Amino acid sequence: MNEEESAKFAEEVSKMTFEESIQQLESLVEKLEAGGTDLDKSLEIYERAVILRNHCKEVLDDGQRRIKKILETSSGISETDFQ
């Protein structure tokens, strides 16, 4: 996957919902786990999986920030450890 293809895929992924991204990520992981693909194809699948994983992480991080904002109180911010 060259840089142009990677950028195009990242743009497509940025428009996906979390659920769509997870579904595609799971599909790619299954392909890698099944084996039988050549090295170049495996690397392309891995690159796509990393892009999807990063998108999912961004969505989750954004959700965590939104939750923290909701937990604001009049006496300040009430932070909760979400781990």
Protein backbone atom coordinates (compact mmCIF):
# COMPACT_ATOMS: atom_id res chain seq x y z
CA MET A 1 0.00 0.00 0.00
CA ASN A 2 1.63 3.25 -1.07
CA GLU A 3 1.21 6.56 0.74
CA GLU A 4 -1.57 7.76 -1.58
CA GLU A 5 -3.58 4.57 -1.08
CA SER A 6 -2.98 4.74 2.66
CA ALA A 7 -4.17 8.35 2.82
CA LYS A 8 -7.26 7.53 0.76
CA PHE A 9 -8.11 4.58 3.02
CA ALA A 10 -7.55 6.71 6.14
CA GLU A 11 -9.97 9.30 4.73
CA GLU A 12 -12.59 6.59 4.11
CA VAL A 13 -12.09 5.22 7.62
CA SER A 14 -12.50 8.67 9.18
CA LYS A 15 -16.09 8.68 7.88
CA MET A 16 -16.91 5.28 9.41
CA THR A 17 -18.76 4.71 12.63
CA PHE A 18 -16.99 2.93 15.45
CA GLU A 19 -19.03 -0.18 14.78
CA GLU A 20 -18.18 -0.20 11.07
CA SER A 21 -14.49 0.21 11.88
CA ILE A 22 -14.51 -2.62 14.41
CA GLN A 23 -16.31 -4.90 11.97
CA GLN A 24 -13.74 -4.26 9.24
CA LEU A 25 -10.89 -4.60 11.72
CA GLU A 26 -12.20 -7.97 12.89
CA SER A 27 -12.48 -9.11 9.28
CA LEU A 28 -8.87 -8.14 8.57
CA VAL A 29 -7.64 -9.87 11.71
CA GLU A 30 -9.46 -13.05 10.65
CA LYS A 31 -7.74 -12.89 7.24
CA LEU A 32 -4.33 -12.55 8.88
CA GLU A 33 -5.01 -15.32 11.36
CA ALA A 34 -6.22 -17.65 8.61
CA GLY A 35 -2.90 -17.35 6.85
CA GLY A 36 -2.41 -18.36 3.25
CA THR A 37 -1.74 -14.85 2.00
CA ASP A 38 1.57 -13.75 0.60
CA LEU A 39 3.79 -11.32 2.46
CA ASP A 40 2.85 -8.23 0.42
CA LYS A 41 -0.88 -8.85 0.87
CA SER A 42 -0.37 -9.54 4.59
CA LEU A 43 1.48 -6.25 4.98
CA GLU A 44 -1.30 -4.39 3.18
CA ILE A 45 -3.90 -6.00 5.44
CA TYR A 46 -1.81 -5.08 8.48
CA GLU A 47 -1.50 -1.44 7.33
CA ARG A 48 -5.27 -1.23 6.89
CA ALA A 49 -5.78 -2.80 10.32
CA VAL A 50 -3.51 -0.22 11.95
CA ILE A 51 -5.46 2.63 10.33
CA LEU A 52 -8.74 1.13 11.54
CA ARG A 53 -7.32 0.55 15.03
CA ASN A 54 -6.14 4.15 15.25
CA HIS A 55 -9.59 5.39 14.20
CA CYS A 56 -11.27 3.22 16.84
CA LYS A 57 -8.87 4.54 19.49
CA GLU A 58 -9.63 8.13 18.48
CA VAL A 59 -13.38 7.50 18.74
CA LEU A 60 -12.98 5.91 22.17
CA ASP A 61 -10.71 8.72 23.38
CA ASP A 62 -13.26 11.27 22.18
CA GLY A 63 -15.98 9.40 24.05
CA GLN A 64 -13.90 9.46 27.22
CA ARG A 65 -13.38 13.23 26.87
CA ARG A 66 -17.12 13.70 26.40
CA ILE A 67 -17.87 11.65 29.52
CA LYS A 68 -15.41 13.69 31.57
CA LYS A 69 -17.07 16.87 30.34
CA ILE A 70 -20.49 15.54 31.33
CA LEU A 71 -19.17 14.80 34.83
CA GLU A 72 -18.29 18.44 35.42
CA THR A 73 -19.89 19.81 38.53
CA SER A 74 -20.33 23.30 39.90
CA SER A 75 -17.41 22.70 42.27
CA GLY A 76 -15.07 21.66 39.48
CA ILE A 77 -14.39 18.60 37.43
CA SER A 78 -15.14 15.20 38.88
CA GLU A 79 -12.75 12.86 37.08
CA THR A 80 -13.19 9.12 37.13
CA ASP A 81 -10.62 6.58 36.12
CA PHE A 82 -12.18 4.64 33.23
CA GLN A 83 -9.59 1.87 33.18
